[in-house]
Protein backbone atom coordinates (compact mmCIF):
# COMPACT_ATOMS: atom_id res chain seq x y z
CA MET A 1 52.63 175.91 143.92
CA ASN A 2 53.81 178.46 146.51
CA LEU A 3 50.93 177.54 148.80
CA LEU A 4 51.91 173.88 148.54
CA LEU A 5 55.52 174.68 149.40
CA ALA A 6 54.41 176.76 152.39
CA ALA A 7 52.25 173.89 153.61
CA ILE A 8 55.17 171.47 153.24
CA TYR A 9 57.48 173.80 155.17
CA VAL A 10 54.94 174.25 157.96
CA ALA A 11 54.28 170.51 158.24
CA PHE A 12 57.96 169.58 158.35
CA THR A 13 58.76 172.39 160.79
CA ALA A 14 55.99 171.31 163.16
CA ALA A 15 57.10 167.68 162.94
CA VAL A 16 60.73 168.58 163.63
CA LEU A 17 59.84 170.77 166.62
CA LEU A 18 57.64 168.06 168.15
CA THR A 19 60.33 165.45 167.58
CA VAL A 20 63.07 167.59 169.11
CA TRP A 21 60.80 168.14 172.11
CA ARG A 22 60.49 164.36 172.52
CA VAL A 23 64.27 163.96 172.28
CA ILE A 24 64.77 166.57 175.00
CA VAL A 25 61.95 165.46 177.34
CA GLY A 26 62.33 161.71 176.98
CA PRO A 27 61.52 160.26 179.54
CA SER A 28 63.43 157.05 178.71
CA ILE A 29 66.36 156.36 176.45
CA LEU A 30 64.13 154.32 174.15
CA ASP A 31 61.76 157.29 173.74
CA ARG A 32 64.72 159.42 172.79
CA ALA A 33 66.01 156.75 170.39
CA VAL A 34 62.68 156.51 168.60
CA ALA A 35 62.47 160.30 168.41
CA ALA A 36 66.00 160.44 166.96
CA ASP A 37 64.96 157.88 164.33
CA VAL A 38 61.91 159.97 163.50
CA LEU A 39 64.10 163.06 163.24
CA LEU A 40 66.45 161.32 160.81
CA THR A 41 63.43 160.11 158.82
CA LEU A 42 62.21 163.70 158.62
CA VAL A 43 65.61 164.80 157.35
CA ILE A 44 65.43 162.10 154.68
CA CYS A 45 61.91 163.24 153.73
CA VAL A 46 63.01 166.87 153.48
CA LEU A 47 65.96 165.92 151.28
CA GLY A 48 63.69 163.78 149.11
CA ALA A 49 61.12 166.55 148.83
CA ASP A 50 63.86 169.01 147.86
CA MET A 51 65.08 166.66 145.17
CA ALA A 52 61.54 166.16 143.83
CA ILE A 53 60.62 169.85 143.89
CA ASN A 54 63.87 171.10 142.34
CA HIS A 55 64.33 168.17 139.93
CA HIS A 56 67.86 167.18 140.94
CA THR A 57 69.72 164.29 142.56
CA ARG A 58 72.62 166.20 144.12
CA SER A 59 71.39 165.38 147.63
CA LEU A 60 71.31 161.63 147.04
CA PRO A 61 74.72 160.86 148.65
CA LEU A 62 73.74 162.87 151.73
CA LEU A 63 70.41 161.06 151.85
CA LEU A 64 72.16 157.69 151.81
CA ILE A 65 74.60 158.74 154.54
CA VAL A 66 71.78 159.95 156.79
CA ALA A 67 69.90 156.68 156.24
CA ALA A 68 72.99 154.63 157.14
CA VAL A 69 73.61 156.71 160.27
CA GLY A 70 70.02 156.09 161.33
CA VAL A 71 70.28 152.33 160.90
CA PHE A 72 73.63 152.02 162.66
CA GLY A 73 72.53 154.36 165.44
CA SER A 74 69.40 152.31 166.08
CA ILE A 75 71.43 149.11 166.23
CA ALA A 76 73.93 150.65 168.65
CA ILE A 77 71.18 151.91 170.96
CA ALA A 78 69.37 148.57 170.87
CA ARG A 79 72.59 146.75 171.81
CA PHE A 80 73.29 149.22 174.61
CA VAL A 81 69.80 148.84 176.09
CA ALA A 82 69.94 145.05 175.77
CA ARG A 83 73.26 144.90 177.64
CA ARG A 84 72.04 147.30 180.31
CA ASP A 85 68.89 145.26 180.87
CA GLY A 86 70.86 142.01 181.16
CA GLY A 87 69.95 140.65 177.74
CA PRO A 88 72.18 138.67 175.36
CA ARG A 89 75.73 139.90 174.93
């Protein structure tokens, strides 16, 4: 069980570091937006894994808030890029 937890921690840490690198480097705003969505998805996965491993649901409200922030953030970025590129208003 401890080996499995260590593997989970290593996998999530590597994924978070690579995603943060993509947020920093870019090169475009859409690359950063996708990386931010991936980062929020990783946070949701970590919270879900914590709930499954420790047999609790205390993190469920936080999980729902993070999911809502991800959806609304993606919509806001899509609208910003569409307006900047001369799309529908």
